Amino acid sequence: MLETGLSARSVTTVTAENTAAAMGSGDLPVFATPAMIALMEHAAMDAVAGSLPAGSTTVGSEMNATHLKPSGLGAEISATAVLTAVEGRKLTFNVGARDAQGMIGEGTHVRYIVDREKFMSKLG
């Protein structure tokens, strides 16, 4: 059952592959904003995965986040997501990311519950 308060955490380490320079979102060897967003989304997906009906998953539809400070190579990054609202198929999360020095990003994220087969059938 989906209830507000469900939460999860995802963790990664900053490597050459998830820097702004490697991902094309900048030219510095720091944790890329797209990598931070993906980590936040992963936490949100995990937060509700065990409470979904059989054959369902969630897909991201909206992210409003601020990347507050850089994290260098080797830093461990953890993202958390907390389910704050359930409106039918629409799920809203508070998301945040931290490194050893503190908060590096925060925001809100919206996901929708979808039937896997029906969703995939919409592909051309």
PDB file of N, CA and C in Angstrom:
ATOM      1  N   MET A   1       0.847  -1.191   0.000  1.00  0.00           N
ATOM      2  CA  MET A   1       0.000   0.000   0.000  1.00  0.00           C
ATOM      3  C   MET A   1       0.882   1.240   0.000  1.00  0.00           C
ATOM      4  N   LEU A   2       0.550   2.172  -0.857  1.00  0.00           N
ATOM      5  CA  LEU A   2       1.326   3.409  -0.947  1.00  0.00           C
ATOM      6  C   LEU A   2       0.865   4.399   0.109  1.00  0.00           C
ATOM      7  N   GLU A   3       1.783   4.752   0.982  1.00  0.00           N
ATOM      8  CA  GLU A   3       1.494   5.718   2.032  1.00  0.00           C
ATOM      9  C   GLU A   3       2.609   6.746   2.071  1.00  0.00           C
ATOM     10  N   THR A   4       2.261   7.987   2.370  1.00  0.00           N
ATOM     11  CA  THR A   4       3.298   8.997   2.507  1.00  0.00           C
ATOM     12  C   THR A   4       4.276   8.554   3.592  1.00  0.00           C
ATOM     13  N   GLY A   5       5.503   8.969   3.426  1.00  0.00           N
ATOM     14  CA  GLY A   5       6.548   8.588   4.371  1.00  0.00           C
ATOM     15  C   GLY A   5       7.441   7.481   3.876  1.00  0.00           C
ATOM     16  N   LEU A   6       6.999   6.734   2.848  1.00  0.00           N
ATOM     17  CA  LEU A   6       7.877   5.716   2.278  1.00  0.00           C
ATOM     18  C   LEU A   6       9.151   6.400   1.797  1.00  0.00           C
ATOM     19  N   SER A   7      10.293   5.759   2.016  1.00  0.00           N
ATOM     20  CA  SER A   7      11.550   6.405   1.632  1.00  0.00           C
ATOM     21  C   SER A   7      12.589   5.367   1.231  1.00  0.00           C
ATOM     22  N   ALA A   8      13.612   5.846   0.542  1.00  0.00           N
ATOM     23  CA  ALA A   8      14.737   4.995   0.158  1.00  0.00           C
ATOM     24  C   ALA A   8      15.957   5.882  -0.050  1.00  0.00           C
ATOM     25  N   ARG A   9      17.098   5.212  -0.092  1.00  0.00           N
ATOM     26  CA  ARG A   9      18.383   5.892  -0.259  1.00  0.00           C
ATOM     27  C   ARG A   9      19.167   5.174  -1.344  1.00  0.00           C
ATOM     28  N   SER A  10      19.823   5.935  -2.216  1.00  0.00           N
ATOM     29  CA  SER A  10      20.714   5.392  -3.242  1.00  0.00           C
ATOM     30  C   SER A  10      22.080   6.019  -3.056  1.00  0.00           C
ATOM     31  N   VAL A  11      23.115   5.233  -3.321  1.00  0.00           N
ATOM     32  CA  VAL A  11      24.484   5.703  -3.081  1.00  0.00           C
ATOM     33  C   VAL A  11      25.340   5.442  -4.309  1.00  0.00           C
ATOM     34  N   THR A  12      26.255   6.374  -4.592  1.00  0.00           N
ATOM     35  CA  THR A  12      27.242   6.198  -5.646  1.00  0.00           C
ATOM     36  C   THR A  12      28.526   6.904  -5.239  1.00  0.00           C
ATOM     37  N   THR A  13      29.567   6.650  -5.968  1.00  0.00           N
ATOM     38  CA  THR A  13      30.844   7.324  -5.781  1.00  0.00           C
ATOM     39  C   THR A  13      31.144   8.127  -7.042  1.00  0.00           C
ATOM     40  N   VAL A  14      31.680   9.323  -6.860  1.00  0.00           N
ATOM     41  CA  VAL A  14      32.036  10.152  -8.010  1.00  0.00           C
ATOM     42  C   VAL A  14      33.252   9.527  -8.698  1.00  0.00           C
ATOM     43  N   THR A  15      33.055   9.169  -9.967  1.00  0.00           N
ATOM     44  CA  THR A  15      34.112   8.596 -10.795  1.00  0.00           C
ATOM     45  C   THR A  15      34.233   9.440 -12.056  1.00  0.00           C
ATOM     46  N   ALA A  16      35.225   9.148 -12.855  1.00  0.00           N
ATOM     47  CA  ALA A  16      35.397   9.882 -14.111  1.00  0.00           C
ATOM     48  C   ALA A  16      34.151   9.782 -14.985  1.00  0.00           C
ATOM     49  N   GLU A  17      33.421   8.667 -14.901  1.00  0.00           N
ATOM     50  CA  GLU A  17      32.262   8.437 -15.765  1.00  0.00           C
ATOM     51  C   GLU A  17      31.039   9.282 -15.409  1.00  0.00           C
ATOM     52  N   ASN A  18      30.907   9.722 -14.150  1.00  0.00           N
ATOM     53  CA  ASN A  18      29.717  10.495 -13.782  1.00  0.00           C
ATOM     54  C   ASN A  18      30.048  11.962 -13.467  1.00  0.00           C
ATOM     55  N   THR A  19      31.145  12.437 -14.059  1.00  0.00           N
ATOM     56  CA  THR A  19      31.481  13.857 -13.911  1.00  0.00           C
ATOM     57  C   THR A  19      30.788  14.682 -14.992  1.00  0.00           C
ATOM     58  N   ALA A  20      30.731  15.979 -14.733  1.00  0.00           N
ATOM     59  CA  ALA A  20      30.144  16.894 -15.715  1.00  0.00           C
ATOM     60  C   ALA A  20      30.911  16.831 -17.034  1.00  0.00           C
ATOM     61  N   ALA A  21      32.236  16.708 -16.954  1.00  0.00           N
ATOM     62  CA  ALA A  21      33.047  16.648 -18.172  1.00  0.00           C
ATOM     63  C   ALA A  21      32.701  15.411 -19.005  1.00  0.00           C
ATOM     64  N   ALA A  22      32.519  14.274 -18.363  1.00  0.00           N
ATOM     65  CA  ALA A  22      32.220  13.034 -19.091  1.00  0.00           C
ATOM     66  C   ALA A  22      30.792  13.004 -19.619  1.00  0.00           C
ATOM     67  N   MET A  23      29.849  13.566 -18.866  1.00  0.00           N
ATOM     68  CA  MET A  23      28.439  13.501 -19.258  1.00  0.00           C
ATOM     69  C   MET A  23      28.030  14.641 -20.177  1.00  0.00           C
ATOM     70  N   GLY A  24      28.914  15.598 -20.396  1.00  0.00           N
ATOM     71  CA  GLY A  24      28.613  16.686 -21.313  1.00  0.00           C
ATOM     72  C   GLY A  24      27.782  17.803 -20.731  1.00  0.00           C
ATOM     73  N   SER A  25      27.630  17.844 -19.410  1.00  0.00           N
ATOM     74  CA  SER A  25      26.838  18.912 -18.802  1.00  0.00           C
ATOM     75  C   SER A  25      27.722  20.041 -18.288  1.00  0.00           C
ATOM     76  N   GLY A  26      29.006  19.920 -18.507  1.00  0.00           N
ATOM     77  CA  GLY A  26      29.984  20.921 -18.099  1.00  0.00           C
ATOM     78  C   GLY A  26      31.352  20.432 -18.524  1.00  0.00           C
ATOM     79  N   ASP A  27      32.396  21.136 -18.090  1.00  0.00           N
ATOM     80  CA  ASP A  27      33.731  20.704 -18.491  1.00  0.00           C
ATOM     81  C   ASP A  27      34.679  20.506 -17.304  1.00  0.00           C
ATOM     82  N   LEU A  28      34.103  20.353 -16.116  1.00  0.00           N
ATOM     83  CA  LEU A  28      34.911  20.150 -14.917  1.00  0.00           C
ATOM     84  C   LEU A  28      34.779  18.714 -14.401  1.00  0.00           C
ATOM     85  N   PRO A  29      35.813  18.228 -13.709  1.00  0.00           N
ATOM     86  CA  PRO A  29      35.773  16.869 -13.156  1.00  0.00           C
ATOM     87  C   PRO A  29      35.076  16.828 -11.796  1.00  0.00           C
ATOM     88  N   VAL A  30      33.798  17.211 -11.775  1.00  0.00           N
ATOM     89  CA  VAL A  30      32.966  17.202 -10.566  1.00  0.00           C
ATOM     90  C   VAL A  30      31.688  16.415 -10.861  1.00  0.00           C
ATOM     91  N   PHE A  31      31.012  15.983  -9.798  1.00  0.00           N
ATOM     92  CA  PHE A  31      29.775  15.205  -9.934  1.00  0.00           C
ATOM     93  C   PHE A  31      28.787  15.979 -10.797  1.00  0.00           C
ATOM     94  N   ALA A  32      28.307  15.334 -11.844  1.00  0.00           N
ATOM     95  CA  ALA A  32      27.413  15.977 -12.809  1.00  0.00           C
ATOM     96  C   ALA A  32      26.000  16.119 -12.255  1.00  0.00           C
ATOM     97  N   THR A  33      25.376  17.237 -12.586  1.00  0.00           N
ATOM     98  CA  THR A  33      23.972  17.428 -12.198  1.00  0.00           C
ATOM     99  C   THR A  33      23.085  16.310 -12.746  1.00  0.00           C
ATOM    100  N   PRO A  34      23.229  15.875 -14.022  1.00  0.00           N
ATOM    101  CA  PRO A  34      22.394  14.761 -14.482  1.00  0.00           C
ATOM    102  C   PRO A  34      22.602  13.477 -13.671  1.00  0.00           C
ATOM    103  N   ALA A  35      23.815  13.245 -13.193  1.00  0.00           N
ATOM    104  CA  ALA A  35      24.068  12.064 -12.368  1.00  0.00           C
ATOM    105  C   ALA A  35      23.380  12.202 -11.012  1.00  0.00           C
ATOM    106  N   MET A  36      23.375  13.405 -10.450  1.00  0.00           N
ATOM    107  CA  MET A  36      22.681  13.644  -9.175  1.00  0.00           C
ATOM    108  C   MET A  36      21.176  13.422  -9.340  1.00  0.00           C
ATOM    109  N   ILE A  37      20.630  13.947 -10.436  1.00  0.00           N
ATOM    110  CA  ILE A  37      19.195  13.785 -10.710  1.00  0.00           C
ATOM    111  C   ILE A  37      18.847  12.303 -10.843  1.00  0.00           C
ATOM    112  N   ALA A  38      19.662  11.557 -11.590  1.00  0.00           N
ATOM    113  CA  ALA A  38      19.401  10.124 -11.770  1.00  0.00           C
ATOM    114  C   ALA A  38      19.448   9.386 -10.432  1.00  0.00           C
ATOM    115  N   LEU A  39      20.373   9.760  -9.563  1.00  0.00           N
ATOM    116  CA  LEU A  39      20.477   9.117  -8.250  1.00  0.00           C
ATOM    117  C   LEU A  39      19.238   9.414  -7.409  1.00  0.00           C
ATOM    118  N   MET A  40      18.751  10.637  -7.479  1.00  0.00           N
ATOM    119  CA  MET A  40      17.522  11.015  -6.770  1.00  0.00           C
ATOM    120  C   MET A  40      16.332  10.226  -7.308  1.00  0.00           C
ATOM    121  N   GLU A  41      16.242  10.124  -8.637  1.00  0.00           N
ATOM    122  CA  GLU A  41      15.145   9.368  -9.250  1.00  0.00           C
ATOM    123  C   GLU A  41      15.191   7.900  -8.837  1.00  0.00           C
ATOM    124  N   HIS A  42      16.397   7.351  -8.784  1.00  0.00           N
ATOM    125  CA  HIS A  42      16.542   5.953  -8.396  1.00  0.00           C
ATOM    126  C   HIS A  42      16.042   5.733  -6.965  1.00  0.00           C
ATOM    127  N   ALA A  43      16.370   6.649  -6.073  1.00  0.00           N
ATOM    128  CA  ALA A  43      15.889   6.542  -4.700  1.00  0.00           C
ATOM    129  C   ALA A  43      14.359   6.587  -4.654  1.00  0.00           C
ATOM    130  N   ALA A  44      13.761   7.485  -5.432  1.00  0.00           N
ATOM    131  CA  ALA A  44      12.295   7.592  -5.459  1.00  0.00           C
ATOM    132  C   ALA A  44      11.661   6.313  -6.001  1.00  0.00           C
ATOM    133  N   MET A  45      12.233   5.784  -7.081  1.00  0.00           N
ATOM    134  CA  MET A  45      11.725   4.541  -7.662  1.00  0.00           C
ATOM    135  C   MET A  45      11.771   3.418  -6.618  1.00  0.00           C
ATOM    136  N   ASP A  46      12.911   3.303  -5.927  1.00  0.00           N
ATOM    137  CA  ASP A  46      13.067   2.259  -4.909  1.00  0.00           C
ATOM    138  C   ASP A  46      12.129   2.437  -3.722  1.00  0.00           C
ATOM    139  N   ALA A  47      11.828   3.682  -3.374  1.00  0.00           N
ATOM    140  CA  ALA A  47      10.994   3.955  -2.204  1.00  0.00           C
ATOM    141  C   ALA A  47       9.618   3.306  -2.302  1.00  0.00           C
ATOM    142  N   VAL A  48       9.083   3.221  -3.510  1.00  0.00           N
ATOM    143  CA  VAL A  48       7.714   2.710  -3.671  1.00  0.00           C
ATOM    144  C   VAL A  48       7.640   1.361  -4.375  1.00  0.00           C
ATOM    145  N   ALA A  49       8.763   0.873  -4.896  1.00  0.00           N
ATOM    146  CA  ALA A  49       8.752  -0.343  -5.719  1.00  0.00           C
ATOM    147  C   ALA A  49       8.072  -1.520  -5.032  1.00  0.00           C
ATOM    148  N   GLY A  50       8.313  -1.706  -3.754  1.00  0.00           N
ATOM    149  CA  GLY A  50       7.738  -2.844  -3.041  1.00  0.00           C
ATOM    150  C   GLY A  50       6.265  -2.709  -2.711  1.00  0.00           C
ATOM    151  N   SER A  51       5.689  -1.548  -2.966  1.00  0.00           N
ATOM    152  CA  SER A  51       4.288  -1.303  -2.630  1.00  0.00           C
ATOM    153  C   SER A  51       3.386  -1.184  -3.853  1.00  0.00           C
ATOM    154  N   LEU A  52       3.928  -1.442  -5.031  1.00  0.00           N
ATOM    155  CA  LEU A  52       3.152  -1.299  -6.266  1.00  0.00           C
ATOM    156  C   LEU A  52       2.414  -2.588  -6.607  1.00  0.00           C
ATOM    157  N   PRO A  53       1.299  -2.476  -7.343  1.00  0.00           N
ATOM    158  CA  PRO A  53       0.599  -3.674  -7.809  1.00  0.00           C
ATOM    159  C   PRO A  53       1.485  -4.478  -8.766  1.00  0.00           C
ATOM    160  N   ALA A  54       1.240  -5.762  -8.852  1.00  0.00           N
ATOM    161  CA  ALA A  54       1.991  -6.623  -9.776  1.00  0.00           C
ATOM    162  C   ALA A  54       1.882  -6.068 -11.194  1.00  0.00           C
ATOM    163  N   GLY A  55       2.991  -6.082 -11.911  1.00  0.00           N
ATOM    164  CA  GLY A  55       3.005  -5.610 -13.292  1.00  0.00           C
ATOM    165  C   GLY A  55       3.153  -4.111 -13.438  1.00  0.00           C
ATOM    166  N   SER A  56       3.284  -3.402 -12.322  1.00  0.00           N
ATOM    167  CA  SER A  56       3.401  -1.942 -12.366  1.00  0.00           C
ATOM    168  C   SER A  56       4.816  -1.496 -12.052  1.00  0.00           C
ATOM    169  N   THR A  57       5.115  -0.287 -12.478  1.00  0.00           N
ATOM    170  CA  THR A  57       6.354   0.389 -12.127  1.00  0.00           C
ATOM    171  C   THR A  57       6.032   1.869 -12.056  1.00  0.00           C
ATOM    172  N   THR A  58       7.054   2.691 -11.836  1.00  0.00           N
ATOM    173  CA  THR A  58       6.850   4.138 -11.878  1.00  0.00           C
ATOM    174  C   THR A  58       7.782   4.740 -12.914  1.00  0.00           C
ATOM    175  N   VAL A  59       7.347   5.836 -13.493  1.00  0.00           N
ATOM    176  CA  VAL A  59       8.172   6.582 -14.441  1.00  0.00           C
ATOM    177  C   VAL A  59       8.243   8.033 -13.982  1.00  0.00           C
ATOM    178  N   GLY A  60       9.417   8.609 -14.138  1.00  0.00           N
ATOM    179  CA  GLY A  60       9.589  10.002 -13.760  1.00  0.00           C
ATOM    180  C   GLY A  60       8.956  10.927 -14.776  1.00  0.00           C
ATOM    181  N   SER A  61       8.356  12.006 -14.280  1.00  0.00           N
ATOM    182  CA  SER A  61       7.750  12.973 -15.202  1.00  0.00           C
ATOM    183  C   SER A  61       8.168  14.406 -14.919  1.00  0.00           C
ATOM    184  N   GLU A  62       8.648  14.662 -13.728  1.00  0.00           N
ATOM    185  CA  GLU A  62       9.010  16.037 -13.395  1.00  0.00           C
ATOM    186  C   GLU A  62      10.088  16.032 -12.311  1.00  0.00           C
ATOM    187  N   MET A  63      11.061  16.922 -12.472  1.00  0.00           N
ATOM    188  CA  MET A  63      12.091  17.096 -11.455  1.00  0.00           C
ATOM    189  C   MET A  63      12.356  18.583 -11.312  1.00  0.00           C
ATOM    190  N   ASN A  64      12.299  19.054 -10.096  1.00  0.00           N
ATOM    191  CA  ASN A  64      12.640  20.440  -9.794  1.00  0.00           C
ATOM    192  C   ASN A  64      13.707  20.374  -8.704  1.00  0.00           C
ATOM    193  N   ALA A  65      14.956  20.506  -9.104  1.00  0.00           N
ATOM    194  CA  ALA A  65      16.048  20.343  -8.145  1.00  0.00           C
ATOM    195  C   ALA A  65      17.090  21.435  -8.317  1.00  0.00           C
ATOM    196  N   THR A  66      17.778  21.701  -7.242  1.00  0.00           N
ATOM    197  CA  THR A  66      18.870  22.650  -7.227  1.00  0.00           C
ATOM    198  C   THR A  66      20.147  21.913  -6.859  1.00  0.00           C
ATOM    199  N   HIS A  67      21.193  22.099  -7.662  1.00  0.00           N
ATOM    200  CA  HIS A  67      22.506  21.522  -7.357  1.00  0.00           C
ATOM    201  C   HIS A  67      23.274  22.612  -6.615  1.00  0.00           C
ATOM    202  N   LEU A  68      23.482  22.418  -5.321  1.00  0.00           N
ATOM    203  CA  LEU A  68      23.971  23.469  -4.440  1.00  0.00           C
ATOM    204  C   LEU A  68      25.486  23.611  -4.377  1.00  0.00           C
ATOM    205  N   LYS A  69      26.212  22.501  -4.522  1.00  0.00           N
ATOM    206  CA  LYS A  69      27.660  22.582  -4.407  1.00  0.00           C
ATOM    207  C   LYS A  69      28.328  21.409  -5.104  1.00  0.00           C
ATOM    208  N   PRO A  70      29.585  21.574  -5.513  1.00  0.00           N
ATOM    209  CA  PRO A  70      30.282  20.511  -6.239  1.00  0.00           C
ATOM    210  C   PRO A  70      30.804  19.410  -5.311  1.00  0.00           C
ATOM    211  N   SER A  71      30.991  18.238  -5.903  1.00  0.00           N
ATOM    212  CA  SER A  71      31.610  17.098  -5.221  1.00  0.00           C
ATOM    213  C   SER A  71      32.661  16.542  -6.165  1.00  0.00           C
ATOM    214  N   GLY A  72      33.849  16.293  -5.640  1.00  0.00           N
ATOM    215  CA  GLY A  72      34.956  15.859  -6.469  1.00  0.00           C
ATOM    216  C   GLY A  72      35.080  14.357  -6.599  1.00  0.00           C
ATOM    217  N   LEU A  73      36.038  13.945  -7.417  1.00  0.00           N
ATOM    218  CA  LEU A  73      36.320  12.527  -7.637  1.00  0.00           C
ATOM    219  C   LEU A  73      36.551  11.820  -6.308  1.00  0.00           C
ATOM    220  N   GLY A  74      35.958  10.639  -6.178  1.00  0.00           N
ATOM    221  CA  GLY A  74      36.108   9.831  -4.978  1.00  0.00           C
ATOM    222  C   GLY A  74      35.077  10.092  -3.901  1.00  0.00           C
ATOM    223  N   ALA A  75      34.329  11.180  -3.998  1.00  0.00           N
ATOM    224  CA  ALA A  75      33.315  11.492  -2.986  1.00  0.00           C
ATOM    225  C   ALA A  75      32.172  10.477  -3.051  1.00  0.00           C
ATOM    226  N   GLU A  76      31.679  10.075  -1.889  1.00  0.00           N
ATOM    227  CA  GLU A  76      30.489   9.224  -1.841  1.00  0.00           C
ATOM    228  C   GLU A  76      29.270  10.129  -1.778  1.00  0.00           C
ATOM    229  N   ILE A  77      28.327   9.880  -2.662  1.00  0.00           N
ATOM    230  CA  ILE A  77      27.092  10.670  -2.743  1.00  0.00           C
ATOM    231  C   ILE A  77      25.923   9.770  -2.370  1.00  0.00           C
ATOM    232  N   SER A  78      25.067  10.240  -1.468  1.00  0.00           N
ATOM    233  CA  SER A  78      23.844   9.501  -1.149  1.00  0.00           C
ATOM    234  C   SER A  78      22.647  10.395  -1.434  1.00  0.00           C
ATOM    235  N   ALA A  79      21.667   9.817  -2.095  1.00  0.00           N
ATOM    236  CA  ALA A  79      20.428  10.529  -2.398  1.00  0.00           C
ATOM    237  C   ALA A  79      19.298   9.858  -1.640  1.00  0.00           C
ATOM    238  N   THR A  80      18.405  10.662  -1.120  1.00  0.00           N
ATOM    239  CA  THR A  80      17.232  10.141  -0.433  1.00  0.00           C
ATOM    240  C   THR A  80      15.979  10.688  -1.096  1.00  0.00           C
ATOM    241  N   ALA A  81      14.921   9.891  -1.006  1.00  0.00           N
ATOM    242  CA  ALA A  81      13.615  10.308  -1.516  1.00  0.00           C
ATOM    243  C   ALA A  81      12.567   9.903  -0.489  1.00  0.00           C
ATOM    244  N   VAL A  82      11.661  10.820  -0.196  1.00  0.00           N
ATOM    245  CA  VAL A  82      10.568  10.560   0.741  1.00  0.00           C
ATOM    246  C   VAL A  82       9.262  10.879   0.031  1.00  0.00           C
ATOM    247  N   LEU A  83       8.353   9.903   0.001  1.00  0.00           N
ATOM    248  CA  LEU A  83       7.044  10.096  -0.620  1.00  0.00           C
ATOM    249  C   LEU A  83       6.225  11.057   0.236  1.00  0.00           C
ATOM    250  N   THR A  84       5.819  12.182  -0.366  1.00  0.00           N
ATOM    251  CA  THR A  84       5.091  13.200   0.391  1.00  0.00           C
ATOM    252  C   THR A  84       3.624  13.328  -0.006  1.00  0.00           C
ATOM    253  N   ALA A  85       3.253  12.820  -1.193  1.00  0.00           N
ATOM    254  CA  ALA A  85       1.864  12.928  -1.630  1.00  0.00           C
ATOM    255  C   ALA A  85       1.534  11.812  -2.614  1.00  0.00           C
ATOM    256  N   VAL A  86       0.320  11.275  -2.476  1.00  0.00           N
ATOM    257  CA  VAL A  86      -0.210  10.272  -3.396  1.00  0.00           C
ATOM    258  C   VAL A  86      -1.549  10.794  -3.896  1.00  0.00           C
ATOM    259  N   GLU A  87      -1.624  11.051  -5.218  1.00  0.00           N
ATOM    260  CA  GLU A  87      -2.857  11.533  -5.826  1.00  0.00           C
ATOM    261  C   GLU A  87      -3.186  10.621  -6.994  1.00  0.00           C
ATOM    262  N   GLY A  88      -3.908   9.534  -6.731  1.00  0.00           N
ATOM    263  CA  GLY A  88      -4.167   8.554  -7.773  1.00  0.00           C
ATOM    264  C   GLY A  88      -2.865   7.910  -8.198  1.00  0.00           C
ATOM    265  N   ARG A  89      -2.533   8.019  -9.490  1.00  0.00           N
ATOM    266  CA  ARG A  89      -1.276   7.454 -10.005  1.00  0.00           C
ATOM    267  C   ARG A  89      -0.086   8.385  -9.811  1.00  0.00           C
ATOM    268  N   LYS A  90      -0.318   9.628  -9.437  1.00  0.00           N
ATOM    269  CA  LYS A  90       0.737  10.635  -9.285  1.00  0.00           C
ATOM    270  C   LYS A  90       1.363  10.554  -7.891  1.00  0.00           C
ATOM    271  N   LEU A  91       2.692  10.424  -7.873  1.00  0.00           N
ATOM    272  CA  LEU A  91       3.440  10.335  -6.620  1.00  0.00           C
ATOM    273  C   LEU A  91       4.434  11.497  -6.558  1.00  0.00           C
ATOM    274  N   THR A  92       4.440  12.211  -5.443  1.00  0.00           N
ATOM    275  CA  THR A  92       5.357  13.333  -5.273  1.00  0.00           C
ATOM    276  C   THR A  92       6.335  13.022  -4.144  1.00  0.00           C
ATOM    277  N   PHE A  93       7.613  13.343  -4.385  1.00  0.00           N
ATOM    278  CA  PHE A  93       8.687  13.041  -3.446  1.00  0.00           C
ATOM    279  C   PHE A  93       9.483  14.299  -3.122  1.00  0.00           C
ATOM    280  N   ASN A  94       9.964  14.396  -1.899  1.00  0.00           N
ATOM    281  CA  ASN A  94      11.039  15.315  -1.557  1.00  0.00           C
ATOM    282  C   ASN A  94      12.324  14.543  -1.767  1.00  0.00           C
ATOM    283  N   VAL A  95      13.279  15.133  -2.467  1.00  0.00           N
ATOM    284  CA  VAL A  95      14.543  14.462  -2.746  1.00  0.00           C
ATOM    285  C   VAL A  95      15.705  15.331  -2.281  1.00  0.00           C
ATOM    286  N   GLY A  96      16.786  14.663  -1.923  1.00  0.00           N
ATOM    287  CA  GLY A  96      17.980  15.379  -1.514  1.00  0.00           C
ATOM    288  C   GLY A  96      19.201  14.529  -1.770  1.00  0.00           C
ATOM    289  N   ALA A  97      20.351  15.175  -1.906  1.00  0.00           N
ATOM    290  CA  ALA A  97      21.608  14.465  -2.098  1.00  0.00           C
ATOM    291  C   ALA A  97      22.659  15.097  -1.192  1.00  0.00           C
ATOM    292  N   ARG A  98      23.538  14.248  -0.659  1.00  0.00           N
ATOM    293  CA  ARG A  98      24.575  14.698   0.281  1.00  0.00           C
ATOM    294  C   ARG A  98      25.905  14.052  -0.052  1.00  0.00           C
ATOM    295  N   ASP A  99      26.977  14.752   0.295  1.00  0.00           N
ATOM    296  CA  ASP A  99      28.291  14.131   0.333  1.00  0.00           C
ATOM    297  C   ASP A  99      28.781  14.257   1.773  1.00  0.00           C
ATOM    298  N   ALA A 100      30.034  13.944   2.038  1.00  0.00           N
ATOM    299  CA  ALA A 100      30.545  13.959   3.417  1.00  0.00           C
ATOM    300  C   ALA A 100      30.481  15.347   4.050  1.00  0.00           C
ATOM    301  N   GLN A 101      30.477  16.399   3.229  1.00  0.00           N
ATOM    302  CA  GLN A 101      30.433  17.758   3.764  1.00  0.00           C
ATOM    303  C   GLN A 101      29.007  18.276   3.969  1.00  0.00           C
ATOM    304  N   GLY A 102      28.002  17.556   3.493  1.00  0.00           N
ATOM    305  CA  GLY A 102      26.627  17.996   3.699  1.00  0.00           C
ATOM    306  C   GLY A 102      25.802  17.980   2.424  1.00  0.00           C
ATOM    307  N   MET A 103      24.723  18.748   2.446  1.00  0.00           N
ATOM    308  CA  MET A 103      23.758  18.785   1.353  1.00  0.00           C
ATOM    309  C   MET A 103      24.396  19.338   0.082  1.00  0.00           C
ATOM    310  N   ILE A 104      24.216  18.607  -1.033  1.00  0.00           N
ATOM    311  CA  ILE A 104      24.711  19.097  -2.325  1.00  0.00           C
ATOM    312  C   ILE A 104      23.577  19.383  -3.303  1.00  0.00           C
ATOM    313  N   GLY A 105      22.374  18.865  -3.017  1.00  0.00           N
ATOM    314  CA  GLY A 105      21.240  19.101  -3.902  1.00  0.00           C
ATOM    315  C   GLY A 105      19.937  18.770  -3.208  1.00  0.00           C
ATOM    316  N   GLU A 106      18.863  19.417  -3.661  1.00  0.00           N
ATOM    317  CA  GLU A 106      17.549  19.165  -3.061  1.00  0.00           C
ATOM    318  C   GLU A 106      16.459  19.569  -4.033  1.00  0.00           C
ATOM    319  N   GLY A 107      15.265  19.012  -3.824  1.00  0.00           N
ATOM    320  CA  GLY A 107      14.164  19.395  -4.692  1.00  0.00           C
ATOM    321  C   GLY A 107      12.945  18.513  -4.509  1.00  0.00           C
ATOM    322  N   THR A 108      12.080  18.555  -5.525  1.00  0.00           N
ATOM    323  CA  THR A 108      10.889  17.712  -5.556  1.00  0.00           C
ATOM    324  C   THR A 108      10.877  16.942  -6.867  1.00  0.00           C
ATOM    325  N   HIS A 109      10.260  15.767  -6.815  1.00  0.00           N
ATOM    326  CA  HIS A 109      10.235  14.867  -7.968  1.00  0.00           C
ATOM    327  C   HIS A 109       8.847  14.241  -8.059  1.00  0.00           C
ATOM    328  N   VAL A 110       8.306  14.172  -9.279  1.00  0.00           N
ATOM    329  CA  VAL A 110       7.002  13.547  -9.524  1.00  0.00           C
ATOM    330  C   VAL A 110       7.202  12.308 -10.383  1.00  0.00           C
ATOM    331  N   ARG A 111       6.569  11.222  -9.972  1.00  0.00           N
ATOM    332  CA  ARG A 111       6.559   9.979 -10.735  1.00  0.00           C
ATOM    333  C   ARG A 111       5.105   9.540 -10.885  1.00  0.00           C
ATOM    334  N   TYR A 112       4.831   8.750 -11.920  1.00  0.00           N
ATOM    335  CA  TYR A 112       3.498   8.185 -12.130  1.00  0.00           C
ATOM    336  C   TYR A 112       3.577   6.673 -12.134  1.00  0.00           C
ATOM    337  N   ILE A 113       2.580   6.044 -11.564  1.00  0.00           N
ATOM    338  CA  ILE A 113       2.461   4.594 -11.611  1.00  0.00           C
ATOM    339  C   ILE A 113       1.918   4.214 -12.980  1.00  0.00           C
ATOM    340  N   VAL A 114       2.587   3.260 -13.639  1.00  0.00           N
ATOM    341  CA  VAL A 114       2.144   2.786 -14.954  1.00  0.00           C
ATOM    342  C   VAL A 114       2.176   1.266 -14.987  1.00  0.00           C
ATOM    343  N   ASP A 115       1.336   0.711 -15.848  1.00  0.00           N
ATOM    344  CA  ASP A 115       1.398  -0.714 -16.133  1.00  0.00           C
ATOM    345  C   ASP A 115       2.547  -0.918 -17.124  1.00  0.00           C
ATOM    346  N   ARG A 116       3.463  -1.802 -16.796  1.00  0.00           N
ATOM    347  CA  ARG A 116       4.663  -2.004 -17.625  1.00  0.00           C
ATOM    348  C   ARG A 116       4.325  -2.334 -19.081  1.00  0.00           C
ATOM    349  N   GLU A 117       3.468  -3.333 -19.294  1.00  0.00           N
ATOM    350  CA  GLU A 117       3.152  -3.767 -20.646  1.00  0.00           C
ATOM    351  C   GLU A 117       2.444  -2.691 -21.440  1.00  0.00           C
ATOM    352  N   LYS A 118       1.466  -2.050 -20.833  1.00  0.00           N
ATOM    353  CA  LYS A 118       0.723  -1.005 -21.523  1.00  0.00           C
ATOM    354  C   LYS A 118       1.654   0.165 -21.880  1.00  0.00           C
ATOM    355  N   PHE A 119       2.537   0.531 -20.965  1.00  0.00           N
ATOM    356  CA  PHE A 119       3.469   1.627 -21.211  1.00  0.00           C
ATOM    357  C   PHE A 119       4.405   1.282 -22.382  1.00  0.00           C
ATOM    358  N   MET A 120       4.969   0.105 -22.352  1.00  0.00           N
ATOM    359  CA  MET A 120       5.912  -0.298 -23.403  1.00  0.00           C
ATOM    360  C   MET A 120       5.230  -0.476 -24.762  1.00  0.00           C
ATOM    361  N   SER A 121       3.942  -0.777 -24.746  1.00  0.00           N
ATOM    362  CA  SER A 121       3.228  -0.956 -26.020  1.00  0.00           C
ATOM    363  C   SER A 121       3.076   0.373 -26.775  1.00  0.00           C
ATOM    364  N   LYS A 122       3.302   1.479 -26.093  1.00  0.00           N
ATOM    365  CA  LYS A 122       3.177   2.788 -26.725  1.00  0.00           C
ATOM    366  C   LYS A 122       4.391   3.153 -27.565  1.00  0.00           C
ATOM    367  N   LEU A 123       5.455   2.364 -27.483  1.00  0.00           N
ATOM    368  CA  LEU A 123       6.644   2.624 -28.298  1.00  0.00           C
ATOM    369  C   LEU A 123       6.357   2.288 -29.750  1.00  0.00           C
ATOM    370  N   GLY A 124       6.925   3.064 -30.646  1.00  0.00           N
ATOM    371  CA  GLY A 124       6.708   2.865 -32.083  1.00  0.00           C
ATOM    372  C   GLY A 124       7.334   1.655 -32.535  1.00  0.00           C
TER     373      GLY A 124
END
